PDB file of N, CA and C in Angstrom:
ATOM      1  N   MET A   1     251.740-186.880 248.390  1.00  0.00           N
ATOM      2  CA  MET A   1     252.387-186.191 249.500  1.00  0.00           C
ATOM      3  C   MET A   1     253.850-185.891 249.157  1.00  0.00           C
ATOM      4  N   ASP A   2     254.528-186.881 248.574  1.00  0.00           N
ATOM      5  CA  ASP A   2     255.936-186.725 248.233  1.00  0.00           C
ATOM      6  C   ASP A   2     256.133-185.640 247.168  1.00  0.00           C
ATOM      7  N   ALA A   3     255.216-185.556 246.220  1.00  0.00           N
ATOM      8  CA  ALA A   3     255.306-184.547 245.156  1.00  0.00           C
ATOM      9  C   ALA A   3     255.138-183.146 245.743  1.00  0.00           C
ATOM     10  N   ARG A   4     254.215-183.008 246.681  1.00  0.00           N
ATOM     11  CA  ARG A   4     253.991-181.698 247.311  1.00  0.00           C
ATOM     12  C   ARG A   4     255.219-181.275 248.118  1.00  0.00           C
ATOM     13  N   LEU A   5     255.866-182.244 248.746  1.00  0.00           N
ATOM     14  CA  LEU A   5     257.074-181.950 249.516  1.00  0.00           C
ATOM     15  C   LEU A   5     258.183-181.432 248.592  1.00  0.00           C
ATOM     16  N   HIS A   6     258.376-182.101 247.461  1.00  0.00           N
ATOM     17  CA  HIS A   6     259.396-181.657 246.505  1.00  0.00           C
ATOM     18  C   HIS A   6     259.048-180.285 245.934  1.00  0.00           C
ATOM     19  N   GLU A   7     257.764-180.071 245.683  1.00  0.00           N
ATOM     20  CA  GLU A   7     257.319-178.776 245.165  1.00  0.00           C
ATOM     21  C   GLU A   7     257.612-177.666 246.178  1.00  0.00           C
ATOM     22  N   ALA A   8     257.337-177.959 247.450  1.00  0.00           N
ATOM     23  CA  ALA A   8     257.597-176.978 248.506  1.00  0.00           C
ATOM     24  C   ALA A   8     259.098-176.725 248.647  1.00  0.00           C
ATOM     25  N   GLU A   9     259.901-177.775 248.551  1.00  0.00           N
ATOM     26  CA  GLU A   9     261.354-177.614 248.643  1.00  0.00           C
ATOM     27  C   GLU A   9     261.888-176.783 247.476  1.00  0.00           C
ATOM     28  N   ASP A  10     261.341-177.027 246.295  1.00  0.00           N
ATOM     29  CA  ASP A  10     261.742-176.231 245.124  1.00  0.00           C
ATOM     30  C   ASP A  10     261.386-174.762 245.321  1.00  0.00           C
ATOM     31  N   GLU A  11     260.202-174.517 245.864  1.00  0.00           N
ATOM     32  CA  GLU A  11     259.776-173.140 246.105  1.00  0.00           C
ATOM     33  C   GLU A  11     260.671-172.468 247.144  1.00  0.00           C
ATOM     34  N   VAL A  12     261.030-173.208 248.189  1.00  0.00           N
ATOM     35  CA  VAL A  12     261.922-172.666 249.217  1.00  0.00           C
ATOM     36  C   VAL A  12     263.276-172.311 248.599  1.00  0.00           C
ATOM     37  N   ALA A  13     263.793-173.196 247.748  1.00  0.00           N
ATOM     38  CA  ALA A  13     265.080-172.929 247.099  1.00  0.00           C
ATOM     39  C   ALA A  13     264.978-171.696 246.203  1.00  0.00           C
ATOM     40  N   LEU A  14     263.875-171.568 245.482  1.00  0.00           N
ATOM     41  CA  LEU A  14     263.663-170.410 244.616  1.00  0.00           C
ATOM     42  C   LEU A  14     263.600-169.128 245.439  1.00  0.00           C
ATOM     43  N   LEU A  15     262.860-169.166 246.538  1.00  0.00           N
ATOM     44  CA  LEU A  15     262.735-167.984 247.391  1.00  0.00           C
ATOM     45  C   LEU A  15     264.072-167.615 248.031  1.00  0.00           C
ATOM     46  N   ARG A  16     264.849-168.611 248.412  1.00  0.00           N
ATOM     47  CA  ARG A  16     266.181-168.331 248.972  1.00  0.00           C
ATOM     48  C   ARG A  16     267.059-167.623 247.939  1.00  0.00           C
ATOM     49  N   GLY A  17     266.966-168.080 246.694  1.00  0.00           N
ATOM     50  CA  GLY A  17     267.725-167.429 245.625  1.00  0.00           C
ATOM     51  C   GLY A  17     267.292-165.985 245.439  1.00  0.00           C
ATOM     52  N   GLU A  18     265.977-165.740 245.481  1.00  0.00           N
ATOM     53  CA  GLU A  18     265.466-164.378 245.347  1.00  0.00           C
ATOM     54  C   GLU A  18     265.935-163.498 246.499  1.00  0.00           C
ATOM     55  N   VAL A  19     265.894-164.041 247.715  1.00  0.00           N
ATOM     56  CA  VAL A  19     266.336-163.282 248.889  1.00  0.00           C
ATOM     57  C   VAL A  19     267.818-162.938 248.757  1.00  0.00           C
ATOM     58  N   ARG A  20     268.615-163.897 248.314  1.00  0.00           N
ATOM     59  CA  ARG A  20     270.053-163.661 248.139  1.00  0.00           C
ATOM     60  C   ARG A  20     270.284-162.563 247.097  1.00  0.00           C
ATOM     61  N   GLN A  21     269.526-162.618 246.003  1.00  0.00           N
ATOM     62  CA  GLN A  21     269.663-161.605 244.955  1.00  0.00           C
ATOM     63  C   GLN A  21     269.260-160.226 245.477  1.00  0.00           C
ATOM     64  N   LEU A  22     268.159-160.155 246.224  1.00  0.00           N
ATOM     65  CA  LEU A  22     267.710-158.870 246.772  1.00  0.00           C
ATOM     66  C   LEU A  22     268.720-158.312 247.771  1.00  0.00           C
ATOM     67  N   ARG A  23     269.286-159.169 248.596  1.00  0.00           N
ATOM     68  CA  ARG A  23     270.298-158.704 249.553  1.00  0.00           C
ATOM     69  C   ARG A  23     271.522-158.157 248.824  1.00  0.00           C
ATOM     70  N   THR A  24     271.906-158.827 247.746  1.00  0.00           N
ATOM     71  CA  THR A  24     273.039-158.347 246.953  1.00  0.00           C
ATOM     72  C   THR A  24     272.737-156.979 246.362  1.00  0.00           C
ATOM     73  N   GLU A  25     271.527-156.820 245.804  1.00  0.00           N
ATOM     74  CA  GLU A  25     271.136-155.537 245.216  1.00  0.00           C
ATOM     75  C   GLU A  25     271.118-154.430 246.267  1.00  0.00           C
ATOM     76  N   VAL A  26     270.602-154.734 247.456  1.00  0.00           N
ATOM     77  CA  VAL A  26     270.557-153.744 248.535  1.00  0.00           C
ATOM     78  C   VAL A  26     271.973-153.370 248.951  1.00  0.00           C
ATOM     79  N   SER A  27     272.841-154.354 249.051  1.00  0.00           N
ATOM     80  CA  SER A  27     274.229-154.092 249.429  1.00  0.00           C
ATOM     81  C   SER A  27     274.917-153.197 248.400  1.00  0.00           C
ATOM     82  N   ILE A  28     274.690-153.477 247.129  1.00  0.00           N
ATOM     83  CA  ILE A  28     275.284-152.662 246.063  1.00  0.00           C
ATOM     84  C   ILE A  28     274.757-151.234 246.142  1.00  0.00           C
ATOM     85  N   GLU A  29     273.448-151.081 246.354  1.00  0.00           N
ATOM     86  CA  GLU A  29     272.844-149.743 246.431  1.00  0.00           C
ATOM     87  C   GLU A  29     273.378-148.970 247.638  1.00  0.00           C
ATOM     88  N   LYS A  30     273.509-149.642 248.785  1.00  0.00           N
ATOM     89  CA  LYS A  30     274.052-148.979 249.978  1.00  0.00           C
ATOM     90  C   LYS A  30     275.477-148.498 249.715  1.00  0.00           C
ATOM     91  N   ASN A  31     276.266-149.344 249.075  1.00  0.00           N
ATOM     92  CA  ASN A  31     277.650-148.986 248.777  1.00  0.00           C
ATOM     93  C   ASN A  31     277.704-147.801 247.820  1.00  0.00           C
ATOM     94  N   ARG A  32     276.830-147.787 246.812  1.00  0.00           N
ATOM     95  CA  ARG A  32     276.788-146.682 245.853  1.00  0.00           C
ATOM     96  C   ARG A  32     276.425-145.380 246.552  1.00  0.00           C
ATOM     97  N   ARG A  33     275.427-145.448 247.443  1.00  0.00           N
ATOM     98  CA  ARG A  33     275.022-144.244 248.178  1.00  0.00           C
ATOM     99  C   ARG A  33     276.138-143.748 249.081  1.00  0.00           C
ATOM    100  N   LYS A  34     276.850-144.683 249.701  1.00  0.00           N
ATOM    101  CA  LYS A  34     277.956-144.315 250.585  1.00  0.00           C
ATOM    102  C   LYS A  34     279.043-143.600 249.789  1.00  0.00           C
ATOM    103  N   ILE A  35     279.357-144.122 248.604  1.00  0.00           N
ATOM    104  CA  ILE A  35     280.375-143.509 247.752  1.00  0.00           C
ATOM    105  C   ILE A  35     279.931-142.119 247.323  1.00  0.00           C
ATOM    106  N   CYS A  36     278.655-141.989 246.917  1.00  0.00           N
ATOM    107  CA  CYS A  36     278.135-140.681 246.498  1.00  0.00           C
ATOM    108  C   CYS A  36     278.183-139.693 247.662  1.00  0.00           C
ATOM    109  N   SER A  37     277.822-140.171 248.846  1.00  0.00           N
ATOM    110  CA  SER A  37     277.824-139.311 250.022  1.00  0.00           C
ATOM    111  C   SER A  37     279.243-138.836 250.339  1.00  0.00           C
ATOM    112  N   CYS A  38     280.203-139.743 250.248  1.00  0.00           N
ATOM    113  CA  CYS A  38     281.600-139.367 250.516  1.00  0.00           C
ATOM    114  C   CYS A  38     282.087-138.352 249.491  1.00  0.00           C
ATOM    115  N   ALA A  39     281.728-138.546 248.231  1.00  0.00           N
ATOM    116  CA  ALA A  39     282.145-137.609 247.181  1.00  0.00           C
ATOM    117  C   ALA A  39     281.534-136.242 247.434  1.00  0.00           C
ATOM    118  N   TYR A  40     280.266-136.209 247.839  1.00  0.00           N
ATOM    119  CA  TYR A  40     279.604-134.934 248.108  1.00  0.00           C
ATOM    120  C   TYR A  40     280.251-134.240 249.302  1.00  0.00           C
ATOM    121  N   GLN A  41     280.608-135.004 250.330  1.00  0.00           N
ATOM    122  CA  GLN A  41     281.258-134.415 251.502  1.00  0.00           C
ATOM    123  C   GLN A  41     282.611-133.810 251.121  1.00  0.00           C
ATOM    124  N   ARG A  42     283.368-134.506 250.258  1.00  0.00           N
ATOM    125  CA  ARG A  42     284.649-133.956 249.788  1.00  0.00           C
ATOM    126  C   ARG A  42     284.422-132.669 249.003  1.00  0.00           C
ATOM    127  N   LYS A  43     283.372-132.663 248.196  1.00  0.00           N
ATOM    128  CA  LYS A  43     283.048-131.479 247.398  1.00  0.00           C
ATOM    129  C   LYS A  43     282.711-130.300 248.311  1.00  0.00           C
ATOM    130  N   LYS A  44     281.892-130.549 249.348  1.00  0.00           N
ATOM    131  CA  LYS A  44     281.535-129.491 250.293  1.00  0.00           C
ATOM    132  C   LYS A  44     282.766-128.977 251.030  1.00  0.00           C
ATOM    133  N   LYS A  45     283.661-129.886 251.409  1.00  0.00           N
ATOM    134  CA  LYS A  45     284.881-129.490 252.112  1.00  0.00           C
ATOM    135  C   LYS A  45     285.723-128.581 251.216  1.00  0.00           C
ATOM    136  N   SER A  46     285.797-128.923 249.937  1.00  0.00           N
ATOM    137  CA  SER A  46     286.541-128.097 248.986  1.00  0.00           C
ATOM    138  C   SER A  46     285.896-126.724 248.853  1.00  0.00           C
ATOM    139  N   TRP A  47     284.570-126.670 248.825  1.00  0.00           N
ATOM    140  CA  TRP A  47     283.861-125.386 248.742  1.00  0.00           C
ATOM    141  C   TRP A  47     284.220-124.509 249.936  1.00  0.00           C
ATOM    142  N   ARG A  48     284.175-125.108 251.131  1.00  0.00           N
ATOM    143  CA  ARG A  48     284.500-124.335 252.340  1.00  0.00           C
ATOM    144  C   ARG A  48     285.944-123.835 252.269  1.00  0.00           C
ATOM    145  N   LYS A  49     286.841-124.700 251.825  1.00  0.00           N
ATOM    146  CA  LYS A  49     288.254-124.349 251.747  1.00  0.00           C
ATOM    147  C   LYS A  49     288.482-123.165 250.807  1.00  0.00           C
ATOM    148  N   HIS A  50     287.746-123.121 249.696  1.00  0.00           N
ATOM    149  CA  HIS A  50     287.940-122.079 248.694  1.00  0.00           C
ATOM    150  C   HIS A  50     286.937-120.937 248.809  1.00  0.00           C
ATOM    151  N   GLY A  51     286.125-120.939 249.858  1.00  0.00           N
ATOM    152  CA  GLY A  51     285.193-119.843 250.096  1.00  0.00           C
ATOM    153  C   GLY A  51     284.008-119.804 249.153  1.00  0.00           C
ATOM    154  N   ILE A  52     283.635-120.942 248.601  1.00  0.00           N
ATOM    155  CA  ILE A  52     282.489-120.998 247.690  1.00  0.00           C
ATOM    156  C   ILE A  52     281.230-121.185 248.529  1.00  0.00           C
ATOM    157  N   LYS A  53     280.247-120.311 248.328  1.00  0.00           N
ATOM    158  CA  LYS A  53     279.033-120.345 249.149  1.00  0.00           C
ATOM    159  C   LYS A  53     277.967-121.283 248.596  1.00  0.00           C
ATOM    160  N   ARG A  54     277.933-121.469 247.259  1.00  0.00           N
ATOM    161  CA  ARG A  54     276.892-122.312 246.680  1.00  0.00           C
ATOM    162  C   ARG A  54     277.438-123.046 245.467  1.00  0.00           C
ATOM    163  N   ASP A  55     276.674-124.019 245.000  1.00  0.00           N
ATOM    164  CA  ASP A  55     277.095-124.887 243.910  1.00  0.00           C
ATOM    165  C   ASP A  55     277.088-124.170 242.561  1.00  0.00           C
ATOM    166  N   VAL A  56     276.273-123.133 242.425  1.00  0.00           N
ATOM    167  CA  VAL A  56     276.143-122.416 241.158  1.00  0.00           C
ATOM    168  C   VAL A  56     277.241-121.358 241.071  1.00  0.00           C
ATOM    169  N   PRO A  57     278.027-121.357 240.003  1.00  0.00           N
ATOM    170  CA  PRO A  57     279.074-120.344 239.896  1.00  0.00           C
ATOM    171  C   PRO A  57     278.464-118.954 239.748  1.00  0.00           C
ATOM    172  N   SER A  58     279.008-118.001 240.471  1.00  0.00           N
ATOM    173  CA  SER A  58     278.490-116.637 240.377  1.00  0.00           C
ATOM    174  C   SER A  58     279.414-115.814 239.490  1.00  0.00           C
ATOM    175  N   ILE A  59     278.815-115.004 238.644  1.00  0.00           N
ATOM    176  CA  ILE A  59     279.568-114.134 237.745  1.00  0.00           C
ATOM    177  C   ILE A  59     279.409-112.716 238.270  1.00  0.00           C
ATOM    178  N   PRO A  60     280.508-112.032 238.554  1.00  0.00           N
ATOM    179  CA  PRO A  60     280.416-110.663 239.072  1.00  0.00           C
ATOM    180  C   PRO A  60     279.699-109.747 238.076  1.00  0.00           C
ATOM    181  N   PRO A  61     279.037-108.694 238.581  1.00  0.00           N
ATOM    182  CA  PRO A  61     278.351-107.756 237.690  1.00  0.00           C
ATOM    183  C   PRO A  61     279.326-107.155 236.680  1.00  0.00           C
ATOM    184  N   GLY A  62     278.895-107.059 235.438  1.00  0.00           N
ATOM    185  CA  GLY A  62     279.745-106.507 234.393  1.00  0.00           C
ATOM    186  C   GLY A  62     280.602-107.550 233.697  1.00  0.00           C
ATOM    187  N   GLU A  63     280.879-108.649 234.350  1.00  0.00           N
ATOM    188  CA  GLU A  63     281.705-109.702 233.760  1.00  0.00           C
ATOM    189  C   GLU A  63     280.910-110.527 232.751  1.00  0.00           C
ATOM    190  N   GLU A  64     279.599-110.608 232.947  1.00  0.00           N
ATOM    191  CA  GLU A  64     278.776-111.433 232.068  1.00  0.00           C
ATOM    192  C   GLU A  64     278.859-110.934 230.623  1.00  0.00           C
ATOM    193  N   LYS A  65     278.773-109.607 230.440  1.00  0.00           N
ATOM    194  CA  LYS A  65     278.842-109.041 229.088  1.00  0.00           C
ATOM    195  C   LYS A  65     280.197-109.347 228.454  1.00  0.00           C
ATOM    196  N   LYS A  66     281.275-109.254 229.237  1.00  0.00           N
ATOM    197  CA  LYS A  66     282.611-109.554 228.719  1.00  0.00           C
ATOM    198  C   LYS A  66     282.697-111.013 228.264  1.00  0.00           C
ATOM    199  N   LEU A  67     282.110-111.897 229.069  1.00  0.00           N
ATOM    200  CA  LEU A  67     282.155-113.317 228.736  1.00  0.00           C
ATOM    201  C   LEU A  67     281.343-113.620 227.483  1.00  0.00           C
ATOM    202  N   LEU A  68     280.197-112.940 227.334  1.00  0.00           N
ATOM    203  CA  LEU A  68     279.356-113.177 226.167  1.00  0.00           C
ATOM    204  C   LEU A  68     280.000-112.630 224.897  1.00  0.00           C
ATOM    205  N   ASP A  69     280.724-111.519 224.998  1.00  0.00           N
ATOM    206  CA  ASP A  69     281.372-110.911 223.833  1.00  0.00           C
ATOM    207  C   ASP A  69     282.640-111.659 223.415  1.00  0.00           C
ATOM    208  N   LYS A  70     283.193-112.420 224.319  1.00  0.00           N
ATOM    209  CA  LYS A  70     284.436-113.144 224.070  1.00  0.00           C
ATOM    210  C   LYS A  70     284.177-114.276 223.054  1.00  0.00           C
ATOM    211  N   PRO A  71     285.040-114.436 222.040  1.00  0.00           N
ATOM    212  CA  PRO A  71     284.828-115.521 221.068  1.00  0.00           C
ATOM    213  C   PRO A  71     285.055-116.887 221.725  1.00  0.00           C
ATOM    214  N   ALA A  72     284.281-117.846 221.272  1.00  0.00           N
ATOM    215  CA  ALA A  72     284.397-119.202 221.812  1.00  0.00           C
ATOM    216  C   ALA A  72     285.688-119.839 221.320  1.00  0.00           C
ATOM    217  N   PRO A  73     286.322-120.667 222.146  1.00  0.00           N
ATOM    218  CA  PRO A  73     287.588-121.311 221.733  1.00  0.00           C
ATOM    219  C   PRO A  73     287.373-122.343 220.652  1.00  0.00           C
TER     220      PRO A  73
END
């Protein structure tokens, strides 16, 4: 009986450690997502400020040929 009690206590301690580790991982992931979200919001605000409609840069018609003919730095 005493051995089973110690075994159960060891298992409880192990599970508590796992729960603590999982909570830490979740907290880190939430913080990372929050940071990414804030960075994206700043990026969108900058787009609005500068009149950018989409994330992909647009090249005006006729400019593409000029850019392709230009020597690389």
